[in-house]
Amino acid sequence: MRATARNTTPRRSVLRGLGAAGAAGLLAACGVKPAHVAEGERAGRDLSGRERSLTFANWPLYIDTDDDDPQKRPTLDAFRERTGISVRYTEEINDNDEFFGKVGPALMNGQASDRDLIVVSDWMAARFVRLGWVQKMDRAAQPNVAGHLDPQLRRPAFDPGRLHSVPWQSGITGIAYNRRALGRELRSTRQLWDADLRGKVTLLSGLDESISLLMQGDGVDVTRWTADDFHAVCDRIEKLVAQKHIRRFTGNDYIKDLSSGDVLACQAYSGDVIQLQADNPDIAFVVPEEGGELWAESLLVPNLARHKANAEKLVDYYYEPEVAAELAAWVNYVCPVPAAQAVLADSGDEELAALAEDPLVFPDREMRGRLAIARDIAASERREMAKRWNGIVGL
């Protein structure tokens, strides 16, 4: 295991245009009847017993790799050696909507996607679950998931009981800032609007990525926010854009702006900042006093997967604390397996032990008290809200 990884993939921030993929996503999100697949039509013939393999689609740079050969993935190699199941691992997911557009035509027409396991952000997982495009997992065959999944991630509104989804990694949306260049501490989302930050602030461009933290800054309970809460935030951001207070809206390219000093403070993801701090200790990350958003990117088994049992076995493997610890040491996001903390703490390695004490990887009680999982944007309200937000952002 190693304690730092370089990860600049835009896993959370995606373009919210109304192009082909975006339009398809909105169409499906609105619950168009032909897109929905009934429960009885989701399972296919499982060839796991005969074919000791599976296909796993993930984001780039989201798994451990060998120090000497980046094409080797130690945890996957160990899984194959233990179980005899080989994994065809593809790094094909670069954008949630783009991937939705890639697999959607097959899934909505009752066809296999040729993937046994996928990872998407939970707001997109909500769409897959709502459309009936993914299967329930056999939790009886997943004792590690049942025993080790972080309690705070067990009951997402889009998937009660986590029947269809299992977090791959989790993370926090908060504020990153350059402590030395700013010359003071930031503790509140409201401080982003201070006069000395005019033209030096960026926000995330994605509706699902940006809006929750901004509502938390207004004191809103994001587990039950309303349309009025949303429009109140939009009213404020529109004025700040007109005043040129907000420099721009970004994907993960806020990393470059923050590192160069073009931006002093921004909305950011915890895992990115941990990695930035390895090169620049002046970069700080804060969960605002009003709260930060806890999110996850989750594993799903698509309909008609040919190797469902093999996929479920791999999911459960990654919930063994030792394996979860090895993965956490590479990706530096919030580990969904709290028991992995003790593994790192007892590793005998100074860097790994320090990682075990990092509340951005293993949130402590005080940190958890300020984190909330935002409710999903309902299908019935997404079109209107996306239209307003995209008009502000300029998409």
Protein backbone atom coordinates (compact mmCIF):
# COMPACT_ATOMS: atom_id res chain seq x y z
CA MET A 1 0.00 0.00 0.00
CA ARG A 2 1.05 3.61 -0.47
CA ALA A 3 -0.35 6.69 1.15
CA THR A 4 -0.56 9.06 -1.82
CA ALA A 5 -2.02 8.77 -5.28
CA ARG A 6 -2.32 11.16 -8.16
CA ASN A 7 -5.94 11.40 -9.14
CA THR A 8 -7.27 14.22 -11.27
CA THR A 9 -10.21 12.44 -12.86
CA PRO A 10 -13.45 14.49 -12.98
CA ARG A 11 -15.54 11.82 -11.26
CA ARG A 12 -17.97 14.18 -9.59
CA SER A 13 -18.05 17.19 -11.87
CA VAL A 14 -19.67 16.69 -15.26
CA LEU A 15 -20.93 18.94 -18.02
CA ARG A 16 -24.65 19.61 -17.67
CA GLY A 17 -25.43 20.55 -21.25
CA LEU A 18 -28.53 19.52 -23.14
CA GLY A 19 -26.70 17.61 -25.85
CA ALA A 20 -27.52 14.06 -26.89
CA ALA A 21 -26.40 12.39 -23.67
CA GLY A 22 -27.88 15.13 -21.49
CA ALA A 23 -31.20 15.01 -23.30
CA ALA A 24 -31.33 11.25 -23.01
CA GLY A 25 -30.59 11.55 -19.31
CA LEU A 26 -33.33 14.07 -18.78
CA LEU A 27 -35.79 11.97 -20.78
CA ALA A 28 -35.06 8.94 -18.65
CA ALA A 29 -35.06 10.98 -15.46
CA CYS A 30 -38.60 12.05 -16.22
CA GLY A 31 -39.68 8.43 -16.05
CA VAL A 32 -40.60 7.86 -19.69
CA LYS A 33 -42.51 4.59 -19.58
CA PRO A 34 -40.71 2.61 -22.33
CA ALA A 35 -37.37 3.17 -20.51
CA HIS A 36 -38.47 1.42 -17.32
CA VAL A 37 -37.72 -2.28 -16.90
CA ALA A 38 -40.02 -4.34 -14.70
CA GLU A 39 -38.58 -6.32 -11.79
CA GLY A 40 -39.23 -9.67 -13.42
CA GLU A 41 -37.29 -8.74 -16.55
CA ARG A 42 -33.98 -7.72 -14.98
CA ALA A 43 -32.24 -11.02 -14.23
CA GLY A 44 -30.49 -12.96 -16.96
CA ARG A 45 -28.87 -16.37 -17.09
CA ASP A 46 -25.97 -16.25 -14.63
CA LEU A 47 -22.93 -18.06 -16.04
CA SER A 48 -20.74 -17.43 -12.99
CA GLY A 49 -20.37 -21.10 -12.14
CA ARG A 50 -19.14 -22.01 -15.59
CA GLU A 51 -17.32 -18.82 -16.57
CA ARG A 52 -14.92 -17.71 -13.84
CA SER A 53 -14.75 -14.11 -14.96
CA LEU A 54 -16.50 -10.73 -14.87
CA THR A 55 -16.30 -7.32 -16.53
CA PHE A 56 -15.89 -4.32 -14.22
CA ALA A 57 -16.26 -0.76 -15.58
CA ASN A 58 -14.82 2.03 -13.43
CA TRP A 59 -13.38 5.55 -13.60
CA PRO A 60 -9.70 6.13 -14.43
CA LEU A 61 -7.23 6.19 -11.54
CA TYR A 62 -9.78 4.85 -9.08
CA ILE A 63 -8.03 1.67 -7.97
CA ASP A 64 -4.63 0.65 -6.60
CA THR A 65 -1.81 0.01 -9.08
CA ASP A 66 1.62 -1.56 -8.79
CA ASP A 67 4.52 0.82 -8.10
CA ASP A 68 6.59 -0.62 -10.92
CA ASP A 69 3.85 -1.48 -13.41
CA PRO A 70 0.73 0.74 -13.46
CA GLN A 71 -1.06 -1.86 -15.58
CA LYS A 72 -1.07 -4.23 -12.60
CA ARG A 73 -3.71 -3.84 -9.91
CA PRO A 74 -2.66 -5.71 -6.76
CA THR A 75 -6.08 -6.06 -5.17
CA LEU A 76 -7.61 -7.44 -8.36
CA ASP A 77 -4.66 -9.80 -8.81
CA ALA A 78 -5.11 -11.06 -5.26
CA PHE A 79 -8.83 -11.62 -5.89
CA ARG A 80 -8.07 -13.74 -8.96
CA GLU A 81 -5.48 -15.78 -7.09
CA ARG A 82 -7.87 -16.43 -4.22
CA THR A 83 -11.05 -17.18 -6.16
CA GLY A 84 -9.93 -18.19 -9.65
CA ILE A 85 -12.16 -15.41 -11.02
CA SER A 86 -10.46 -13.14 -13.54
CA VAL A 87 -11.58 -9.52 -13.86
CA ARG A 88 -11.68 -7.62 -17.13
CA TYR A 89 -11.21 -4.15 -15.69
CA THR A 90 -11.97 -1.17 -17.92
CA GLU A 91 -11.46 2.52 -17.15
CA GLU A 92 -14.20 3.66 -19.49
CA ILE A 93 -16.31 5.93 -17.29
CA ASN A 94 -15.23 9.54 -17.70
CA ASP A 95 -18.57 11.27 -17.23
CA ASN A 96 -21.80 10.05 -15.63
CA ASP A 97 -24.09 11.32 -18.39
CA GLU A 98 -21.80 10.11 -21.15
CA PHE A 99 -21.76 6.60 -19.67
CA PHE A 100 -25.53 6.72 -19.20
CA GLY A 101 -25.84 7.47 -22.90
CA LYS A 102 -23.50 4.61 -23.75
CA VAL A 103 -25.32 1.84 -21.87
CA GLY A 104 -28.83 3.31 -21.82
CA PRO A 105 -30.05 2.19 -25.26
CA ALA A 106 -29.35 -1.47 -24.47
CA LEU A 107 -30.74 -1.40 -20.93
CA MET A 108 -33.97 0.41 -21.81
CA ASN A 109 -34.59 -2.14 -24.57
CA GLY A 110 -34.10 -5.17 -22.35
CA GLN A 111 -30.65 -6.00 -23.67
CA ALA A 112 -27.42 -6.78 -21.82
CA SER A 113 -24.87 -4.01 -21.41
CA ASP A 114 -21.94 -6.49 -21.50
CA ARG A 115 -20.83 -5.24 -18.10
CA ASP A 116 -21.24 -7.10 -14.82
CA LEU A 117 -20.30 -4.28 -12.46
CA ILE A 118 -20.23 -0.51 -12.87
CA VAL A 119 -19.45 2.53 -10.68
CA VAL A 120 -21.42 5.76 -10.99
CA SER A 121 -22.09 8.72 -8.70
CA ASP A 122 -25.05 8.19 -6.42
CA TRP A 123 -27.17 10.84 -8.13
CA MET A 124 -26.77 8.81 -11.32
CA ALA A 125 -27.22 5.53 -9.43
CA ALA A 126 -30.59 6.95 -8.37
CA ARG A 127 -31.54 7.22 -12.03
CA PHE A 128 -30.49 3.63 -12.75
CA VAL A 129 -32.47 2.36 -9.76
CA ARG A 130 -35.53 4.44 -10.63
CA LEU A 131 -35.53 3.10 -14.18
CA GLY A 132 -35.14 -0.50 -13.04
CA TRP A 133 -31.87 -0.95 -14.91
CA VAL A 134 -29.96 -2.65 -12.09
CA GLN A 135 -30.51 -5.81 -10.08
CA LYS A 136 -30.79 -6.36 -6.38
CA MET A 137 -27.65 -7.89 -4.91
CA ASP A 138 -27.72 -11.05 -2.83
CA ARG A 139 -26.70 -9.71 0.56
CA ALA A 140 -26.68 -13.25 1.99
CA ALA A 141 -23.64 -13.81 -0.21
CA GLN A 142 -22.01 -10.56 0.98
CA PRO A 143 -21.27 -10.85 4.71
CA ASN A 144 -18.52 -8.22 4.57
CA VAL A 145 -20.87 -5.63 3.09
CA ALA A 146 -23.47 -6.47 5.70
CA GLY A 147 -20.96 -6.25 8.52
CA HIS A 148 -18.65 -3.41 7.50
CA LEU A 149 -20.56 -0.83 5.43
CA ASP A 150 -20.39 2.62 7.04
CA PRO A 151 -23.70 3.12 8.91
CA GLN A 152 -23.95 6.69 7.58
CA LEU A 153 -24.07 5.32 4.01
CA ARG A 154 -26.54 2.49 4.57
CA ARG A 155 -29.84 4.24 3.83
CA PRO A 156 -29.72 6.52 0.79
CA ALA A 157 -33.12 7.90 -0.18
CA PHE A 158 -32.80 6.57 -3.73
CA ASP A 159 -32.12 2.98 -2.63
CA PRO A 160 -33.67 2.15 0.75
CA GLY A 161 -31.67 -0.55 2.48
CA ARG A 162 -28.93 -0.35 -0.17
CA LEU A 163 -30.50 -3.31 -1.98
CA HIS A 164 -29.18 -2.35 -5.43
CA SER A 165 -26.02 -0.40 -4.65
CA VAL A 166 -22.85 -0.58 -2.58
CA PRO A 167 -20.51 2.41 -2.16
CA TRP A 168 -17.15 2.00 -3.90
CA GLN A 169 -15.73 5.15 -2.32
CA SER A 170 -17.21 8.15 -0.60
CA GLY A 171 -16.16 11.76 -0.27
CA ILE A 172 -16.94 15.20 1.06
CA THR A 173 -17.79 18.38 -0.78
CA GLY A 174 -16.47 21.35 1.16
CA ILE A 175 -14.22 24.39 0.68
CA ALA A 176 -10.57 24.40 -0.34
CA TYR A 177 -8.48 27.53 -0.02
CA ASN A 178 -4.90 28.75 -0.13
CA ARG A 179 -4.18 29.61 3.49
CA ARG A 180 -0.97 31.55 2.85
CA ALA A 181 -2.22 33.56 -0.11
CA LEU A 182 -5.51 34.45 1.58
CA GLY A 183 -3.82 35.28 4.87
CA ARG A 184 -6.67 34.08 7.05
CA GLU A 185 -8.80 31.07 7.86
CA LEU A 186 -12.10 30.16 6.22
CA ARG A 187 -14.67 28.36 8.31
CA SER A 188 -18.00 29.11 6.62
CA THR A 189 -19.55 28.85 3.18
CA ARG A 190 -20.85 32.38 3.71
CA GLN A 191 -17.25 33.62 3.85
CA LEU A 192 -16.87 32.80 0.15
CA TRP A 193 -18.84 35.98 -0.51
CA ASP A 194 -16.46 38.25 1.46
CA ALA A 195 -15.30 41.31 -0.45
CA ASP A 196 -11.60 40.35 -0.46
CA LEU A 197 -12.46 37.20 -2.44
CA ARG A 198 -14.11 39.01 -5.35
CA GLY A 199 -12.99 37.39 -8.60
CA LYS A 200 -11.05 34.72 -6.72
CA VAL A 201 -13.81 32.17 -6.06
CA THR A 202 -14.95 29.23 -8.19
CA LEU A 203 -17.95 26.97 -7.78
CA LEU A 204 -18.57 23.55 -9.24
CA SER A 205 -20.54 23.60 -12.48
CA GLY A 206 -22.62 20.48 -11.92
CA LEU A 207 -26.06 20.99 -10.41
CA ASP A 208 -25.86 17.85 -8.27
CA GLU A 209 -22.29 18.62 -7.22
CA SER A 210 -22.67 22.28 -6.28
CA ILE A 211 -26.11 23.04 -4.95
CA SER A 212 -26.16 21.10 -1.67
CA LEU A 213 -23.17 22.85 -0.12
CA LEU A 214 -24.61 26.23 -1.10
CA MET A 215 -27.93 25.39 0.54
CA GLN A 216 -26.12 24.19 3.65
CA GLY A 217 -24.48 27.61 3.76
CA ASP A 218 -28.00 29.03 4.12
CA GLY A 219 -28.71 26.72 7.04
CA VAL A 220 -30.93 24.40 5.00
CA ASP A 221 -31.37 20.75 6.00
CA VAL A 222 -30.32 19.22 2.69
CA THR A 223 -31.89 15.88 3.52
CA ARG A 224 -35.25 17.62 2.93
CA TRP A 225 -34.59 20.77 0.94
CA THR A 226 -37.39 22.41 -1.07
CA ALA A 227 -37.72 24.15 -4.41
CA ASP A 228 -37.82 27.48 -2.54
CA ASP A 229 -34.44 26.65 -0.95
CA PHE A 230 -33.02 25.91 -4.40
CA HIS A 231 -34.29 29.12 -5.98
CA ALA A 232 -33.05 31.20 -3.05
CA VAL A 233 -29.54 29.91 -3.71
CA CYS A 234 -29.90 30.56 -7.43
CA ASP A 235 -31.01 34.14 -6.78
CA ARG A 236 -27.86 34.77 -4.74
CA ILE A 237 -25.50 33.12 -7.22
CA GLU A 238 -27.01 35.08 -10.12
CA LYS A 239 -26.21 38.34 -8.32
CA LEU A 240 -22.68 37.20 -7.49
CA VAL A 241 -22.06 36.27 -11.12
CA ALA A 242 -23.33 39.68 -12.25
CA GLN A 243 -21.00 41.34 -9.74
CA LYS A 244 -18.08 39.24 -11.08
CA HIS A 245 -17.49 37.88 -7.60
CA ILE A 246 -17.44 34.31 -8.91
CA ARG A 247 -14.50 33.83 -11.26
CA ARG A 248 -16.00 30.86 -13.07
CA PHE A 249 -17.68 27.47 -12.70
CA THR A 250 -15.47 24.42 -12.96
CA GLY A 251 -15.11 20.71 -13.15
CA ASN A 252 -12.06 19.24 -11.47
CA ASP A 253 -9.96 21.93 -13.14
CA TYR A 254 -10.37 23.97 -9.95
CA ILE A 255 -7.27 22.04 -8.90
CA LYS A 256 -5.16 23.93 -11.42
CA ASP A 257 -6.65 27.31 -10.49
CA LEU A 258 -6.08 26.75 -6.80
CA SER A 259 -2.53 25.52 -7.28
CA SER A 260 -1.58 28.46 -9.52
CA GLY A 261 -3.02 31.09 -7.18
CA ASP A 262 -5.57 32.32 -9.72
CA VAL A 263 -8.21 31.23 -7.22
CA LEU A 264 -8.02 31.66 -3.45
CA ALA A 265 -11.08 29.63 -2.43
CA CYS A 266 -13.43 27.18 -4.11
CA GLN A 267 -15.85 24.35 -3.76
CA ALA A 268 -13.77 21.18 -3.72
CA TYR A 269 -13.67 17.46 -3.01
CA SER A 270 -11.83 16.07 -0.02
CA GLY A 271 -9.83 13.44 -1.94
CA ASP A 272 -8.48 15.97 -4.42
CA VAL A 273 -7.27 18.25 -1.65
CA ILE A 274 -5.49 15.46 0.23
CA GLN A 275 -3.50 14.84 -2.92
CA LEU A 276 -2.84 18.56 -3.51
CA GLN A 277 -1.51 18.93 0.02
CA ALA A 278 1.28 16.47 -0.75
CA ASP A 279 2.74 19.13 -3.09
CA ASN A 280 1.43 22.29 -1.46
CA PRO A 281 0.83 22.25 2.32
CA ASP A 282 -0.66 25.75 2.11
CA ILE A 283 -3.80 24.27 0.53
CA ALA A 284 -6.42 23.63 3.21
CA PHE A 285 -9.77 21.85 3.13
CA VAL A 286 -12.58 22.68 5.49
CA VAL A 287 -16.00 21.22 6.13
CA PRO A 288 -17.90 24.47 6.74
CA GLU A 289 -19.41 25.13 10.13
CA GLU A 290 -22.85 25.02 8.48
CA GLY A 291 -22.07 21.55 7.14
CA GLY A 292 -20.67 19.70 4.14
CA GLU A 293 -22.09 17.13 1.75
CA LEU A 294 -21.20 13.46 2.15
CA TRP A 295 -21.55 11.61 -1.14
CA ALA A 296 -20.68 8.26 -2.60
CA GLU A 297 -19.99 6.58 -5.91
CA SER A 298 -21.53 3.17 -5.95
CA LEU A 299 -21.17 -0.27 -7.45
CA LEU A 300 -24.18 -1.54 -9.40
CA VAL A 301 -24.93 -4.82 -11.22
CA PRO A 302 -26.71 -3.97 -14.51
CA ASN A 303 -29.66 -5.95 -15.79
CA LEU A 304 -28.92 -9.22 -17.60
CA ALA A 305 -25.34 -9.31 -16.27
CA ARG A 306 -23.85 -12.67 -17.26
CA HIS A 307 -21.70 -13.00 -14.13
CA LYS A 308 -23.82 -11.56 -11.32
CA ALA A 309 -22.61 -13.94 -8.59
CA ASN A 310 -18.97 -13.30 -9.53
CA ALA A 311 -19.61 -9.54 -9.39
CA GLU A 312 -21.24 -9.83 -5.97
CA LYS A 313 -18.25 -11.81 -4.74
CA LEU A 314 -15.89 -9.05 -5.91
CA VAL A 315 -17.98 -6.38 -4.19
CA ASP A 316 -17.84 -8.31 -0.93
CA TYR A 317 -14.09 -8.81 -1.31
CA TYR A 318 -13.54 -5.05 -1.33
CA TYR A 319 -15.41 -4.83 1.96
CA GLU A 320 -12.84 -6.93 3.78
CA PRO A 321 -11.12 -4.36 6.03
CA GLU A 322 -7.62 -5.32 4.82
CA VAL A 323 -8.59 -4.90 1.16
CA ALA A 324 -10.52 -1.70 1.85
CA ALA A 325 -7.46 -0.33 3.64
CA GLU A 326 -5.23 -1.06 0.65
CA LEU A 327 -7.64 0.71 -1.68
CA ALA A 328 -8.08 3.68 0.67
CA ALA A 329 -4.32 4.18 0.85
CA TRP A 330 -4.30 4.76 -2.88
CA VAL A 331 -7.39 6.78 -3.66
CA ASN A 332 -7.51 8.93 -0.49
CA TYR A 333 -11.28 9.41 -0.50
CA VAL A 334 -13.59 8.67 2.44
CA CYS A 335 -13.36 4.93 3.03
CA PRO A 336 -16.81 3.29 3.24
CA VAL A 337 -15.34 0.59 5.51
CA PRO A 338 -14.59 2.17 8.92
CA ALA A 339 -12.88 -1.05 10.08
CA ALA A 340 -10.09 -0.36 7.58
CA GLN A 341 -8.90 2.45 9.85
CA ALA A 342 -7.48 0.01 12.40
CA VAL A 343 -5.68 -1.91 9.65
CA LEU A 344 -3.84 1.24 8.55
CA ALA A 345 -3.19 2.35 12.12
CA ASP A 346 -1.58 -1.00 12.94
CA SER A 347 0.38 -1.28 9.69
CA GLY A 348 3.71 -0.22 11.17
CA ASP A 349 4.05 2.34 8.36
CA GLU A 350 4.25 5.99 9.45
CA GLU A 351 2.44 7.38 6.39
CA LEU A 352 -0.34 4.82 6.55
CA ALA A 353 -0.80 5.36 10.27
CA ALA A 354 -1.12 9.12 9.60
CA LEU A 355 -3.73 8.40 6.93
CA ALA A 356 -5.73 6.45 9.50
CA GLU A 357 -5.94 9.62 11.60
CA ASP A 358 -7.06 11.84 8.73
CA PRO A 359 -10.73 12.80 9.26
CA LEU A 360 -11.10 13.34 5.51
CA VAL A 361 -10.52 9.60 4.98
CA PHE A 362 -12.00 8.30 8.24
CA PRO A 363 -14.33 11.02 9.57
CA ASP A 364 -14.40 11.27 13.35
CA ARG A 365 -17.53 11.94 15.38
CA GLU A 366 -17.14 15.71 15.24
CA MET A 367 -16.68 15.62 11.47
CA ARG A 368 -19.63 13.28 10.94
CA GLY A 369 -21.83 15.63 12.90
CA ARG A 370 -21.33 18.24 10.17
CA LEU A 371 -21.91 15.91 7.21
CA ALA A 372 -25.21 15.22 5.51
CA ILE A 373 -26.31 13.19 2.50
CA ALA A 374 -28.49 15.44 0.35
CA ARG A 375 -31.80 14.21 -0.94
CA ASP A 376 -31.86 13.36 -4.62
CA ILE A 377 -33.35 15.75 -7.15
CA ALA A 378 -36.65 14.15 -8.09
CA ALA A 379 -37.40 13.28 -11.71
CA SER A 380 -40.35 15.67 -11.69
CA GLU A 381 -38.21 18.68 -10.74
CA ARG A 382 -34.91 17.99 -12.48
CA ARG A 383 -35.72 19.56 -15.85
CA GLU A 384 -36.77 22.92 -14.39
CA MET A 385 -33.90 23.04 -11.91
CA ALA A 386 -31.30 22.01 -14.48
CA LYS A 387 -32.56 24.69 -16.84
CA ARG A 388 -32.21 27.41 -14.23
CA TRP A 389 -28.83 26.26 -12.93
CA ASN A 390 -27.36 25.75 -16.40
CA GLY A 391 -28.52 29.27 -17.33
CA ILE A 392 -26.54 30.68 -14.40
CA VAL A 393 -23.47 28.55 -15.06
CA GLY A 394 -23.54 29.21 -18.80
CA LEU A 395 -23.94 25.66 -20.03
